[in-house]
Amino acid sequence: MGTERSKCLSRWRRGLGRVAVFLAAGLVFFASGCGRSGNGAATDSEKAADVEVLNSVLAQELTTVDAYQPALAHLRGPMLAVARELRGQDQAHVDALTRAIRGLGGRTEAEATELEPPGPRSQAEALVLAYEEENAALSQAQGSAAHLQFAAPRTLAAALAASHAQHLAILRQGLGASQAASIPNAFESGDEPPPKTQPTGAESGDMGRFQVDRPSKRR
């Protein structure tokens, strides 16, 4: 069980690397497509509108990064290493959005939303916290695309949504879901609830210690 789960985590980590490449490609496209105009957000209403939308996306990304700080203290074994990588990728999202906003001639005015107390007290609660914020980040990135005026920011939003969908898949496995139940839906919306975990023994870094009630929405 442990070997199979470790192999599965390795495959997901390779997939996360491919999303990172897609994200980097989107940034190159952004630099070539929106950064050459002499008019920035201060004088261009369309760029100003995109800056406002991107700041909303940035606020959620900052909140997601912050959610991992209390979560990491309760994680052990493979999930601790994976969560650190997910947090690093979310920080890369923050950096990408910051560059995108500045490329449009705008300012980053986003702030993270303060997380509601109490914080997580177990590995399961830590993973659920990360899952909920990743879910919100996916929904925010996906919903922003329809409101963005320029192609490059829309490309960036799509890359962020794809990255968060993969993060959710691996967090579902961390919560004990099977590989089949962890696969992203054909059209992820950010509304999919986390698996319901029921610890069967003392918590540790072994992800096999959780029994999962598969949500009715998953097929």
N, C-alpha and C. Protein backbone atom coordinates (compact mmCIF):
# COMPACT_ATOMS: atom_id res chain seq x y z
N MET A 1 0.84 -1.21 0.00
CA MET A 1 0.00 0.00 0.00
C MET A 1 0.87 1.25 0.00
N GLY A 2 1.91 1.27 0.93
CA GLY A 2 2.77 2.44 0.99
C GLY A 2 3.55 2.66 -0.29
N THR A 3 4.06 1.55 -0.88
CA THR A 3 4.84 1.66 -2.12
C THR A 3 3.98 2.17 -3.26
N GLU A 4 2.76 1.63 -3.39
CA GLU A 4 1.87 2.07 -4.46
C GLU A 4 1.51 3.54 -4.30
N ARG A 5 1.25 3.97 -3.06
CA ARG A 5 0.89 5.36 -2.84
C ARG A 5 2.06 6.28 -3.14
N SER A 6 3.30 5.83 -2.78
CA SER A 6 4.48 6.64 -3.07
C SER A 6 4.69 6.78 -4.57
N LYS A 7 4.47 5.70 -5.32
CA LYS A 7 4.59 5.77 -6.77
C LYS A 7 3.57 6.72 -7.36
N CYS A 8 2.34 6.66 -6.80
CA CYS A 8 1.28 7.53 -7.30
C CYS A 8 1.63 8.99 -7.03
N LEU A 9 2.16 9.26 -5.83
CA LEU A 9 2.56 10.63 -5.50
C LEU A 9 3.65 11.11 -6.44
N SER A 10 4.58 10.21 -6.79
CA SER A 10 5.65 10.59 -7.72
C SER A 10 5.09 10.97 -9.07
N ARG A 11 4.07 10.22 -9.54
CA ARG A 11 3.47 10.55 -10.83
C ARG A 11 2.79 11.90 -10.78
N TRP A 12 2.11 12.18 -9.67
CA TRP A 12 1.45 13.48 -9.56
C TRP A 12 2.47 14.60 -9.50
N ARG A 13 3.61 14.36 -8.86
CA ARG A 13 4.64 15.41 -8.79
C ARG A 13 5.20 15.70 -10.16
N ARG A 14 5.33 14.65 -10.98
CA ARG A 14 5.78 14.90 -12.36
C ARG A 14 4.74 15.72 -13.11
N GLY A 15 3.45 15.42 -12.84
CA GLY A 15 2.39 16.20 -13.48
C GLY A 15 2.41 17.64 -13.04
N LEU A 16 2.72 17.88 -11.76
CA LEU A 16 2.80 19.25 -11.27
C LEU A 16 3.93 20.00 -11.97
N GLY A 17 5.01 19.29 -12.29
CA GLY A 17 6.11 19.93 -13.01
C GLY A 17 5.68 20.36 -14.39
N ARG A 18 4.83 19.56 -15.05
CA ARG A 18 4.35 19.95 -16.38
C ARG A 18 3.47 21.18 -16.32
N VAL A 19 2.66 21.29 -15.25
CA VAL A 19 1.85 22.49 -15.09
C VAL A 19 2.74 23.70 -14.88
N ALA A 20 3.84 23.52 -14.14
CA ALA A 20 4.77 24.63 -13.92
C ALA A 20 5.36 25.13 -15.24
N VAL A 21 5.66 24.18 -16.14
CA VAL A 21 6.17 24.57 -17.46
C VAL A 21 5.12 25.35 -18.22
N PHE A 22 3.86 24.90 -18.16
CA PHE A 22 2.75 25.61 -18.81
C PHE A 22 2.62 27.02 -18.25
N LEU A 23 2.76 27.14 -16.93
CA LEU A 23 2.66 28.44 -16.28
C LEU A 23 3.78 29.36 -16.75
N ALA A 24 5.00 28.83 -16.85
CA ALA A 24 6.12 29.64 -17.32
C ALA A 24 5.91 30.08 -18.76
N ALA A 25 5.36 29.18 -19.58
CA ALA A 25 5.09 29.55 -20.98
C ALA A 25 4.07 30.67 -21.06
N GLY A 26 3.08 30.62 -20.18
CA GLY A 26 2.08 31.68 -20.15
C GLY A 26 2.69 33.02 -19.80
N LEU A 27 3.69 33.01 -18.91
CA LEU A 27 4.34 34.25 -18.53
C LEU A 27 5.16 34.82 -19.68
N VAL A 28 5.81 33.95 -20.45
CA VAL A 28 6.54 34.43 -21.63
C VAL A 28 5.59 35.07 -22.61
N PHE A 29 4.43 34.42 -22.82
CA PHE A 29 3.41 34.96 -23.72
C PHE A 29 2.93 36.31 -23.21
N PHE A 30 2.77 36.40 -21.90
CA PHE A 30 2.32 37.66 -21.33
C PHE A 30 3.32 38.77 -21.60
N ALA A 31 4.59 38.47 -21.38
CA ALA A 31 5.63 39.48 -21.56
C ALA A 31 5.69 39.98 -22.99
N SER A 32 5.46 39.08 -23.94
CA SER A 32 5.54 39.48 -25.34
C SER A 32 4.26 40.12 -25.85
N GLY A 33 3.14 39.85 -25.18
CA GLY A 33 1.86 40.31 -25.70
C GLY A 33 1.30 41.55 -25.05
N CYS A 34 1.65 41.82 -23.78
CA CYS A 34 1.02 42.95 -23.09
C CYS A 34 2.02 43.95 -22.55
N GLY A 35 3.26 43.66 -22.62
CA GLY A 35 4.23 44.54 -21.99
C GLY A 35 4.80 45.60 -22.90
N ARG A 36 4.46 45.66 -24.16
CA ARG A 36 5.10 46.58 -25.08
C ARG A 36 4.32 47.86 -25.33
N SER A 37 3.08 47.91 -24.90
CA SER A 37 2.28 49.11 -25.12
C SER A 37 2.76 50.24 -24.23
N GLY A 38 2.73 51.44 -24.74
CA GLY A 38 3.15 52.58 -23.95
C GLY A 38 2.11 53.01 -22.93
N ASN A 39 0.90 52.53 -23.05
CA ASN A 39 -0.18 52.91 -22.15
C ASN A 39 -0.38 51.84 -21.10
N GLY A 40 -0.25 52.23 -19.84
CA GLY A 40 -0.45 51.30 -18.76
C GLY A 40 -1.82 51.43 -18.15
N ALA A 41 -2.02 50.77 -17.00
CA ALA A 41 -3.33 50.75 -16.35
C ALA A 41 -3.79 52.14 -15.93
N ALA A 42 -2.85 53.07 -15.72
CA ALA A 42 -3.22 54.41 -15.28
C ALA A 42 -3.99 55.17 -16.35
N THR A 43 -3.75 54.85 -17.63
CA THR A 43 -4.40 55.57 -18.72
C THR A 43 -5.21 54.67 -19.64
N ASP A 44 -5.16 53.36 -19.43
CA ASP A 44 -5.87 52.40 -20.28
C ASP A 44 -6.92 51.70 -19.43
N SER A 45 -8.19 51.94 -19.70
CA SER A 45 -9.26 51.39 -18.87
C SER A 45 -9.32 49.87 -18.93
N GLU A 46 -9.01 49.29 -20.08
CA GLU A 46 -9.06 47.83 -20.20
C GLU A 46 -7.95 47.19 -19.36
N LYS A 47 -6.76 47.79 -19.39
CA LYS A 47 -5.68 47.26 -18.56
C LYS A 47 -5.99 47.46 -17.08
N ALA A 48 -6.59 48.59 -16.76
CA ALA A 48 -6.96 48.84 -15.37
C ALA A 48 -7.97 47.81 -14.89
N ALA A 49 -8.91 47.43 -15.76
CA ALA A 49 -9.90 46.42 -15.41
C ALA A 49 -9.24 45.07 -15.16
N ASP A 50 -8.27 44.73 -16.01
CA ASP A 50 -7.56 43.46 -15.83
C ASP A 50 -6.75 43.46 -14.55
N VAL A 51 -6.15 44.60 -14.22
CA VAL A 51 -5.39 44.70 -12.98
C VAL A 51 -6.29 44.45 -11.78
N GLU A 52 -7.49 44.99 -11.81
CA GLU A 52 -8.44 44.79 -10.71
C GLU A 52 -8.80 43.31 -10.55
N VAL A 53 -9.05 42.65 -11.67
CA VAL A 53 -9.39 41.22 -11.62
C VAL A 53 -8.21 40.41 -11.12
N LEU A 54 -7.02 40.70 -11.64
CA LEU A 54 -5.83 39.95 -11.23
C LEU A 54 -5.51 40.17 -9.76
N ASN A 55 -5.80 41.34 -9.23
CA ASN A 55 -5.59 41.58 -7.80
C ASN A 55 -6.53 40.71 -6.97
N SER A 56 -7.74 40.48 -7.46
CA SER A 56 -8.67 39.59 -6.76
C SER A 56 -8.15 38.16 -6.74
N VAL A 57 -7.59 37.72 -7.87
CA VAL A 57 -7.00 36.39 -7.94
C VAL A 57 -5.79 36.31 -7.01
N LEU A 58 -4.98 37.37 -7.01
CA LEU A 58 -3.80 37.41 -6.16
C LEU A 58 -4.16 37.32 -4.69
N ALA A 59 -5.23 37.97 -4.28
CA ALA A 59 -5.64 37.92 -2.88
C ALA A 59 -5.91 36.48 -2.43
N GLN A 60 -6.58 35.70 -3.29
CA GLN A 60 -6.85 34.31 -2.94
C GLN A 60 -5.58 33.48 -2.94
N GLU A 61 -4.68 33.74 -3.87
CA GLU A 61 -3.41 33.00 -3.90
C GLU A 61 -2.61 33.27 -2.62
N LEU A 62 -2.60 34.51 -2.17
CA LEU A 62 -1.90 34.84 -0.92
C LEU A 62 -2.54 34.11 0.26
N THR A 63 -3.86 34.03 0.26
CA THR A 63 -4.57 33.33 1.33
C THR A 63 -4.24 31.84 1.31
N THR A 64 -4.14 31.28 0.11
CA THR A 64 -3.82 29.86 -0.03
C THR A 64 -2.42 29.57 0.48
N VAL A 65 -1.47 30.41 0.13
CA VAL A 65 -0.10 30.25 0.62
C VAL A 65 -0.09 30.30 2.15
N ASP A 66 -0.81 31.27 2.72
CA ASP A 66 -0.84 31.41 4.18
C ASP A 66 -1.45 30.19 4.85
N ALA A 67 -2.40 29.53 4.19
CA ALA A 67 -3.08 28.38 4.80
C ALA A 67 -2.12 27.22 5.04
N TYR A 68 -1.06 27.14 4.23
CA TYR A 68 -0.12 26.04 4.40
C TYR A 68 0.76 26.20 5.63
N GLN A 69 0.92 27.44 6.12
CA GLN A 69 1.80 27.64 7.27
C GLN A 69 1.34 26.86 8.50
N PRO A 70 0.08 27.02 8.95
CA PRO A 70 -0.36 26.20 10.08
C PRO A 70 -0.54 24.73 9.71
N ALA A 71 -0.82 24.45 8.44
CA ALA A 71 -1.04 23.07 8.03
C ALA A 71 0.24 22.25 8.12
N LEU A 72 1.36 22.83 7.72
CA LEU A 72 2.61 22.09 7.68
C LEU A 72 3.02 21.55 9.05
N ALA A 73 2.65 22.25 10.11
CA ALA A 73 3.03 21.81 11.45
C ALA A 73 2.39 20.49 11.84
N HIS A 74 1.34 20.09 11.15
CA HIS A 74 0.61 18.86 11.51
C HIS A 74 0.82 17.74 10.50
N LEU A 75 1.63 17.96 9.48
CA LEU A 75 1.84 16.95 8.45
C LEU A 75 3.12 16.17 8.70
N ARG A 76 3.10 14.92 8.29
CA ARG A 76 4.25 14.04 8.48
C ARG A 76 4.48 13.24 7.20
N GLY A 77 5.66 12.70 7.09
CA GLY A 77 5.98 11.77 6.01
C GLY A 77 5.82 12.36 4.62
N PRO A 78 5.30 11.55 3.68
CA PRO A 78 5.18 12.00 2.28
C PRO A 78 4.36 13.26 2.12
N MET A 79 3.28 13.40 2.89
CA MET A 79 2.41 14.55 2.72
C MET A 79 3.07 15.85 3.15
N LEU A 80 4.01 15.80 4.07
CA LEU A 80 4.74 17.00 4.46
C LEU A 80 5.57 17.51 3.29
N ALA A 81 6.28 16.59 2.63
CA ALA A 81 7.10 16.98 1.47
C ALA A 81 6.23 17.48 0.33
N VAL A 82 5.11 16.80 0.09
CA VAL A 82 4.22 17.21 -0.99
C VAL A 82 3.61 18.57 -0.70
N ALA A 83 3.15 18.79 0.53
CA ALA A 83 2.53 20.06 0.89
C ALA A 83 3.51 21.21 0.74
N ARG A 84 4.76 20.97 1.07
CA ARG A 84 5.77 22.01 0.88
C ARG A 84 5.92 22.36 -0.59
N GLU A 85 5.86 21.35 -1.45
CA GLU A 85 5.95 21.61 -2.88
C GLU A 85 4.72 22.35 -3.39
N LEU A 86 3.54 21.96 -2.91
CA LEU A 86 2.32 22.66 -3.32
C LEU A 86 2.37 24.12 -2.89
N ARG A 87 2.82 24.36 -1.67
CA ARG A 87 2.93 25.73 -1.18
C ARG A 87 3.93 26.52 -2.04
N GLY A 88 5.02 25.88 -2.42
CA GLY A 88 5.99 26.54 -3.27
C GLY A 88 5.40 26.92 -4.62
N GLN A 89 4.56 26.04 -5.17
CA GLN A 89 3.94 26.35 -6.44
C GLN A 89 2.92 27.48 -6.29
N ASP A 90 2.20 27.51 -5.17
CA ASP A 90 1.26 28.60 -4.95
C ASP A 90 2.01 29.93 -4.79
N GLN A 91 3.20 29.88 -4.19
CA GLN A 91 4.00 31.09 -4.10
C GLN A 91 4.47 31.52 -5.50
N ALA A 92 4.74 30.54 -6.37
CA ALA A 92 5.08 30.87 -7.76
C ALA A 92 3.90 31.54 -8.46
N HIS A 93 2.68 31.13 -8.12
CA HIS A 93 1.49 31.79 -8.66
C HIS A 93 1.46 33.26 -8.23
N VAL A 94 1.76 33.50 -6.95
CA VAL A 94 1.80 34.87 -6.43
C VAL A 94 2.81 35.70 -7.22
N ASP A 95 3.99 35.14 -7.44
CA ASP A 95 5.04 35.86 -8.17
C ASP A 95 4.61 36.14 -9.60
N ALA A 96 3.95 35.15 -10.24
CA ALA A 96 3.51 35.31 -11.62
C ALA A 96 2.45 36.40 -11.73
N LEU A 97 1.51 36.40 -10.80
CA LEU A 97 0.46 37.42 -10.82
C LEU A 97 1.03 38.81 -10.55
N THR A 98 2.01 38.89 -9.67
CA THR A 98 2.65 40.18 -9.38
C THR A 98 3.31 40.73 -10.63
N ARG A 99 4.02 39.87 -11.36
CA ARG A 99 4.66 40.32 -12.60
C ARG A 99 3.62 40.70 -13.65
N ALA A 100 2.52 39.94 -13.70
CA ALA A 100 1.47 40.23 -14.68
C ALA A 100 0.83 41.59 -14.41
N ILE A 101 0.55 41.86 -13.15
CA ILE A 101 -0.06 43.15 -12.79
C ILE A 101 0.89 44.30 -13.12
N ARG A 102 2.13 44.13 -12.79
CA ARG A 102 3.10 45.19 -13.08
C ARG A 102 3.32 45.33 -14.58
N GLY A 103 3.22 44.21 -15.30
CA GLY A 103 3.37 44.27 -16.75
C GLY A 103 2.26 45.07 -17.41
N LEU A 104 1.11 45.14 -16.75
CA LEU A 104 -0.01 45.94 -17.25
C LEU A 104 0.07 47.40 -16.78
N GLY A 105 1.15 47.69 -16.04
CA GLY A 105 1.30 49.04 -15.52
C GLY A 105 0.49 49.30 -14.27
N GLY A 106 0.08 48.23 -13.58
CA GLY A 106 -0.73 48.38 -12.38
C GLY A 106 0.06 48.13 -11.11
N ARG A 107 -0.62 48.22 -9.99
CA ARG A 107 -0.03 47.99 -8.68
C ARG A 107 -0.67 46.79 -8.01
N THR A 108 0.13 46.05 -7.26
CA THR A 108 -0.41 44.93 -6.49
C THR A 108 -0.97 45.49 -5.18
N GLU A 109 -2.28 45.39 -5.03
CA GLU A 109 -2.96 45.91 -3.85
C GLU A 109 -3.67 44.81 -3.07
N ALA A 110 -3.45 43.58 -3.46
CA ALA A 110 -4.14 42.45 -2.83
C ALA A 110 -3.55 42.13 -1.46
N GLU A 111 -4.40 41.66 -0.58
CA GLU A 111 -3.98 41.19 0.74
C GLU A 111 -4.66 39.86 1.02
N ALA A 112 -3.94 39.01 1.74
CA ALA A 112 -4.51 37.72 2.11
C ALA A 112 -5.66 37.92 3.10
N THR A 113 -6.66 37.06 3.00
CA THR A 113 -7.76 37.04 3.96
C THR A 113 -7.31 36.29 5.20
N GLU A 114 -7.57 36.86 6.36
CA GLU A 114 -7.17 36.20 7.60
C GLU A 114 -7.97 34.92 7.78
N LEU A 115 -7.25 33.84 8.08
CA LEU A 115 -7.89 32.55 8.26
C LEU A 115 -8.66 32.51 9.58
N GLU A 116 -9.83 31.89 9.54
CA GLU A 116 -10.67 31.83 10.74
C GLU A 116 -10.09 30.85 11.75
N PRO A 117 -10.07 31.24 13.03
CA PRO A 117 -9.65 30.29 14.07
C PRO A 117 -10.77 29.29 14.35
N PRO A 118 -10.49 28.16 14.97
CA PRO A 118 -9.14 27.74 15.35
C PRO A 118 -8.41 27.13 14.16
N GLY A 119 -7.12 27.02 14.28
CA GLY A 119 -6.35 26.40 13.21
C GLY A 119 -6.47 24.89 13.26
N PRO A 120 -5.84 24.20 12.31
CA PRO A 120 -5.91 22.72 12.30
C PRO A 120 -5.23 22.12 13.52
N ARG A 121 -5.78 20.98 13.96
CA ARG A 121 -5.22 20.30 15.13
C ARG A 121 -4.77 18.87 14.81
N SER A 122 -4.88 18.49 13.55
CA SER A 122 -4.49 17.13 13.15
C SER A 122 -4.10 17.16 11.68
N GLN A 123 -3.54 16.05 11.22
CA GLN A 123 -3.16 15.96 9.81
C GLN A 123 -4.39 16.08 8.91
N ALA A 124 -5.46 15.40 9.28
CA ALA A 124 -6.67 15.45 8.46
C ALA A 124 -7.20 16.88 8.36
N GLU A 125 -7.25 17.59 9.49
CA GLU A 125 -7.74 18.97 9.47
C GLU A 125 -6.82 19.88 8.69
N ALA A 126 -5.51 19.63 8.75
CA ALA A 126 -4.54 20.42 7.99
C ALA A 126 -4.75 20.24 6.50
N LEU A 127 -4.98 19.01 6.07
CA LEU A 127 -5.20 18.74 4.66
C LEU A 127 -6.52 19.32 4.18
N VAL A 128 -7.54 19.28 5.02
CA VAL A 128 -8.83 19.87 4.65
C VAL A 128 -8.69 21.38 4.50
N LEU A 129 -7.94 22.02 5.39
CA LEU A 129 -7.72 23.46 5.27
C LEU A 129 -7.04 23.80 3.95
N ALA A 130 -5.98 23.06 3.63
CA ALA A 130 -5.29 23.29 2.35
C ALA A 130 -6.23 23.04 1.18
N TYR A 131 -7.02 21.99 1.29
CA TYR A 131 -7.96 21.63 0.22
C TYR A 131 -8.97 22.75 -0.01
N GLU A 132 -9.53 23.28 1.06
CA GLU A 132 -10.55 24.32 0.92
C GLU A 132 -9.99 25.58 0.26
N GLU A 133 -8.76 25.96 0.60
CA GLU A 133 -8.18 27.16 0.00
C GLU A 133 -7.75 26.90 -1.45
N GLU A 134 -7.27 25.70 -1.73
CA GLU A 134 -6.94 25.36 -3.12
C GLU A 134 -8.22 25.37 -3.97
N ASN A 135 -9.31 24.87 -3.40
CA ASN A 135 -10.60 24.88 -4.08
C ASN A 135 -11.03 26.31 -4.40
N ALA A 136 -10.89 27.19 -3.40
CA ALA A 136 -11.27 28.60 -3.60
C ALA A 136 -10.38 29.25 -4.65
N ALA A 137 -9.10 28.89 -4.66
CA ALA A 137 -8.17 29.47 -5.63
C ALA A 137 -8.51 29.01 -7.05
N LEU A 138 -8.89 27.74 -7.19
CA LEU A 138 -9.30 27.24 -8.50
C LEU A 138 -10.53 28.00 -8.99
N SER A 139 -11.52 28.14 -8.13
CA SER A 139 -12.75 28.84 -8.50
C SER A 139 -12.46 30.29 -8.88
N GLN A 140 -11.59 30.95 -8.13
CA GLN A 140 -11.27 32.34 -8.39
C GLN A 140 -10.55 32.50 -9.73
N ALA A 141 -9.57 31.64 -9.99
CA ALA A 141 -8.81 31.72 -11.24
C ALA A 141 -9.71 31.42 -12.43
N GLN A 142 -10.53 30.38 -12.28
CA GLN A 142 -11.40 29.99 -13.38
C GLN A 142 -12.45 31.07 -13.67
N GLY A 143 -13.04 31.63 -12.63
CA GLY A 143 -14.06 32.63 -12.81
C GLY A 143 -13.53 33.94 -13.36
N SER A 144 -12.25 34.20 -13.14
CA SER A 144 -11.67 35.47 -13.60
C SER A 144 -11.52 35.54 -15.11
N ALA A 145 -11.39 34.38 -15.75
CA ALA A 145 -11.08 34.36 -17.18
C ALA A 145 -12.10 35.13 -18.01
N ALA A 146 -13.37 35.01 -17.67
CA ALA A 146 -14.43 35.67 -18.44
C ALA A 146 -14.40 37.18 -18.29
N HIS A 147 -13.70 37.68 -17.27
CA HIS A 147 -13.68 39.12 -17.01
C HIS A 147 -12.38 39.78 -17.43
N LEU A 148 -11.44 39.00 -17.93
CA LEU A 148 -10.15 39.55 -18.36
C LEU A 148 -10.22 39.98 -19.81
N GLN A 149 -9.66 41.15 -20.11
CA GLN A 149 -9.75 41.73 -21.45
C GLN A 149 -8.68 41.20 -22.40
N PHE A 150 -7.49 40.90 -21.87
CA PHE A 150 -6.36 40.53 -22.71
C PHE A 150 -6.11 39.02 -22.69
N ALA A 151 -5.59 38.53 -23.80
CA ALA A 151 -5.38 37.08 -23.94
C ALA A 151 -4.33 36.56 -22.96
N ALA A 152 -3.27 37.32 -22.74
CA ALA A 152 -2.19 36.84 -21.88
C ALA A 152 -2.65 36.63 -20.44
N PRO A 153 -3.35 37.57 -19.82
CA PRO A 153 -3.86 37.29 -18.48
C PRO A 153 -4.83 36.11 -18.45
N ARG A 154 -5.63 35.93 -19.50
CA ARG A 154 -6.52 34.76 -19.54
C ARG A 154 -5.72 33.47 -19.59
N THR A 155 -4.61 33.49 -20.33
CA THR A 155 -3.74 32.31 -20.37
C THR A 155 -3.18 32.01 -18.99
N LEU A 156 -2.78 33.05 -18.28
CA LEU A 156 -2.25 32.87 -16.93
C LEU A 156 -3.33 32.31 -16.01
N ALA A 157 -4.54 32.83 -16.10
CA ALA A 157 -5.63 32.34 -15.25
C ALA A 157 -5.91 30.86 -15.52
N ALA A 158 -5.85 30.46 -16.79
CA ALA A 158 -6.07 29.05 -17.14
C ALA A 158 -4.97 28.17 -16.54
N ALA A 159 -3.73 28.67 -16.57
CA ALA A 159 -2.62 27.91 -16.01
C ALA A 159 -2.78 27.74 -14.50
N LEU A 160 -3.24 28.79 -13.83
CA LEU A 160 -3.45 28.71 -12.39
C LEU A 160 -4.55 27.68 -12.07
N ALA A 161 -5.64 27.72 -12.82
CA ALA A 161 -6.73 26.78 -12.58
C ALA A 161 -6.27 25.34 -12.77
N ALA A 162 -5.47 25.09 -13.82
CA ALA A 162 -4.96 23.74 -14.07
C ALA A 162 -4.06 23.28 -12.93
N SER A 163 -3.25 24.19 -12.42
CA SER A 163 -2.35 23.85 -11.32
C SER A 163 -3.14 23.50 -10.06
N HIS A 164 -4.13 24.30 -9.73
CA HIS A 164 -4.93 24.03 -8.53
C HIS A 164 -5.72 22.74 -8.65
N ALA A 165 -6.18 22.40 -9.85
CA ALA A 165 -6.90 21.14 -10.05
C ALA A 165 -6.00 19.95 -9.71
N GLN A 166 -4.74 20.04 -10.10
CA GLN A 166 -3.81 18.96 -9.76
C GLN A 166 -3.52 18.95 -8.26
N HIS A 167 -3.41 20.12 -7.65
CA HIS A 167 -3.20 20.17 -6.20
C HIS A 167 -4.35 19.49 -5.47
N LEU A 168 -5.57 19.74 -5.91
CA LEU A 168 -6.73 19.13 -5.27
C LEU A 168 -6.69 17.61 -5.40
N ALA A 169 -6.26 17.13 -6.56
CA ALA A 169 -6.21 15.68 -6.78
C ALA A 169 -5.27 15.01 -5.80
N ILE A 170 -4.12 15.61 -5.59
CA ILE A 170 -3.15 14.97 -4.69
C ILE A 170 -3.56 15.13 -3.24
N LEU A 171 -4.23 16.24 -2.90
CA LEU A 171 -4.74 16.39 -1.53
C LEU A 171 -5.84 15.40 -1.24
N ARG A 172 -6.65 15.05 -2.24
CA ARG A 172 -7.67 14.01 -2.05
C ARG A 172 -7.00 12.69 -1.69
N GLN A 173 -5.90 12.39 -2.33
CA GLN A 173 -5.19 11.15 -1.99
C GLN A 173 -4.62 11.23 -0.59
N GLY A 174 -4.11 12.42 -0.22
CA GLY A 174 -3.59 12.59 1.13
C GLY A 174 -4.66 12.38 2.18
N LEU A 175 -5.90 12.69 1.82
CA LEU A 175 -7.03 12.49 2.73
C LEU A 175 -7.57 11.07 2.68
N GLY A 176 -6.97 10.24 1.85
CA GLY A 176 -7.32 8.83 1.84
C GLY A 176 -8.14 8.36 0.68
N ALA A 177 -8.48 9.24 -0.26
CA ALA A 177 -9.29 8.82 -1.41
C ALA A 177 -8.48 7.91 -2.33
N SER A 178 -9.17 7.05 -3.02
CA SER A 178 -8.52 6.16 -3.98
C SER A 178 -8.04 6.96 -5.19
N GLN A 179 -7.22 6.34 -6.00
CA GLN A 179 -6.74 7.01 -7.21
C GLN A 179 -7.91 7.43 -8.10
N ALA A 180 -8.88 6.52 -8.25
CA ALA A 180 -10.03 6.81 -9.12
C ALA A 180 -10.84 7.98 -8.56
N ALA A 181 -11.03 8.02 -7.25
CA ALA A 181 -11.82 9.08 -6.64
C ALA A 181 -11.08 10.41 -6.60
N SER A 182 -9.76 10.35 -6.79
CA SER A 182 -8.94 11.57 -6.72
C SER A 182 -8.83 12.28 -8.06
N ILE A 183 -9.19 11.60 -9.15
CA ILE A 183 -9.06 12.20 -10.47
C ILE A 183 -9.93 13.45 -10.56
N PRO A 184 -9.38 14.55 -11.08
CA PRO A 184 -10.21 15.75 -11.25
C PRO A 184 -11.41 15.47 -12.14
N ASN A 185 -12.52 16.16 -11.86
CA ASN A 185 -13.68 16.05 -12.72
C ASN A 185 -13.37 16.60 -14.10
N ALA A 186 -14.18 16.25 -15.09
CA ALA A 186 -13.97 16.75 -16.44
C ALA A 186 -13.97 18.28 -16.47
N PHE A 187 -14.80 18.87 -15.61
CA PHE A 187 -14.87 20.33 -15.52
C PHE A 187 -14.86 20.71 -14.04
N GLU A 188 -13.67 20.84 -13.48
CA GLU A 188 -13.55 21.23 -12.07
C GLU A 188 -14.07 22.65 -11.90
N SER A 189 -14.86 22.87 -10.84
CA SER A 189 -15.45 24.19 -10.62
C SER A 189 -15.00 24.84 -9.32
N GLY A 190 -14.31 24.08 -8.47
CA GLY A 190 -13.96 24.61 -7.17
C GLY A 190 -15.02 24.34 -6.12
N ASP A 191 -16.06 23.57 -6.49
CA ASP A 191 -17.15 23.26 -5.56
C ASP A 191 -17.08 21.85 -4.99
N GLU A 192 -16.16 21.04 -5.48
CA GLU A 192 -16.07 19.64 -5.04
C GLU A 192 -15.62 19.57 -3.59
N PRO A 193 -16.41 18.95 -2.70
CA PRO A 193 -16.01 18.88 -1.29
C PRO A 193 -14.85 17.92 -1.08
N PRO A 194 -14.10 18.09 0.00
CA PRO A 194 -13.02 17.15 0.29
C PRO A 194 -13.57 15.80 0.70
N PRO A 195 -12.80 14.74 0.55
CA PRO A 195 -13.24 13.44 1.06
C PRO A 195 -13.45 13.52 2.57
N LYS A 196 -14.41 12.78 3.07
CA LYS A 196 -14.66 12.74 4.51
C LYS A 196 -13.74 11.70 5.13
N THR A 197 -12.84 12.15 5.98
CA THR A 197 -11.87 11.24 6.58
C THR A 197 -12.31 10.81 7.96
N GLN A 198 -12.03 9.57 8.27
CA GLN A 198 -12.32 9.03 9.59
C GLN A 198 -11.09 8.28 10.07
N PRO A 199 -10.23 8.91 10.91
CA PRO A 199 -9.04 8.23 11.40
C PRO A 199 -9.40 6.92 12.10
N THR A 200 -8.63 5.89 11.77
CA THR A 200 -8.90 4.58 12.38
C THR A 200 -7.89 4.26 13.46
N GLY A 201 -6.92 5.11 13.67
CA GLY A 201 -5.91 4.86 14.70
C GLY A 201 -5.14 6.12 14.97
N ALA A 202 -4.07 6.01 15.72
CA ALA A 202 -3.24 7.18 16.02
C ALA A 202 -2.71 7.76 14.73
N GLU A 203 -2.79 9.09 14.59
CA GLU A 203 -2.37 9.72 13.35
C GLU A 203 -0.85 9.70 13.23
N SER A 204 -0.40 9.54 12.01
CA SER A 204 1.03 9.58 11.71
C SER A 204 1.16 10.02 10.28
N GLY A 205 2.38 9.86 9.74
CA GLY A 205 2.58 10.24 8.36
C GLY A 205 2.07 9.22 7.38
N ASP A 206 1.57 8.09 7.86
CA ASP A 206 1.07 7.04 6.98
C ASP A 206 -0.30 7.43 6.46
N MET A 207 -0.41 7.71 5.18
CA MET A 207 -1.68 8.14 4.61
C MET A 207 -2.67 7.00 4.51
N GLY A 208 -2.24 5.79 4.75
CA GLY A 208 -3.14 4.67 4.66
C GLY A 208 -4.00 4.47 5.90
N ARG A 209 -3.89 5.37 6.90
CA ARG A 209 -4.63 5.20 8.14
C ARG A 209 -6.02 5.83 8.10
N PHE A 210 -6.44 6.32 6.94
CA PHE A 210 -7.74 6.98 6.86
C PHE A 210 -8.71 6.17 6.03
N GLN A 211 -9.95 6.09 6.52
CA GLN A 211 -11.03 5.54 5.73
C GLN A 211 -11.80 6.71 5.14
N VAL A 212 -12.28 6.55 3.92
CA VAL A 212 -12.90 7.68 3.23
C VAL A 212 -14.31 7.36 2.79
N ASP A 213 -15.23 8.28 3.09
CA ASP A 213 -16.56 8.22 2.53
C ASP A 213 -16.54 9.03 1.26
N ARG A 214 -16.66 8.37 0.13
CA ARG A 214 -16.56 9.05 -1.15
C ARG A 214 -17.74 10.00 -1.35
N PRO A 215 -17.49 11.29 -1.62
CA PRO A 215 -18.60 12.23 -1.82
C PRO A 215 -19.52 11.79 -2.94
N SER A 216 -20.81 12.04 -2.79
CA SER A 216 -21.79 11.58 -3.75
C SER A 216 -21.62 12.25 -5.09
N LYS A 217 -21.00 13.46 -5.14
CA LYS A 217 -20.85 14.18 -6.40
C LYS A 217 -19.86 13.50 -7.32
N ARG A 218 -18.84 12.79 -6.71
CA ARG A 218 -17.83 12.15 -7.55
C ARG A 218 -18.39 10.89 -8.16
N ARG A 219 -17.94 10.64 -9.41
CA ARG A 219 -18.46 9.48 -10.14
C ARG A 219 -17.34 8.53 -10.48
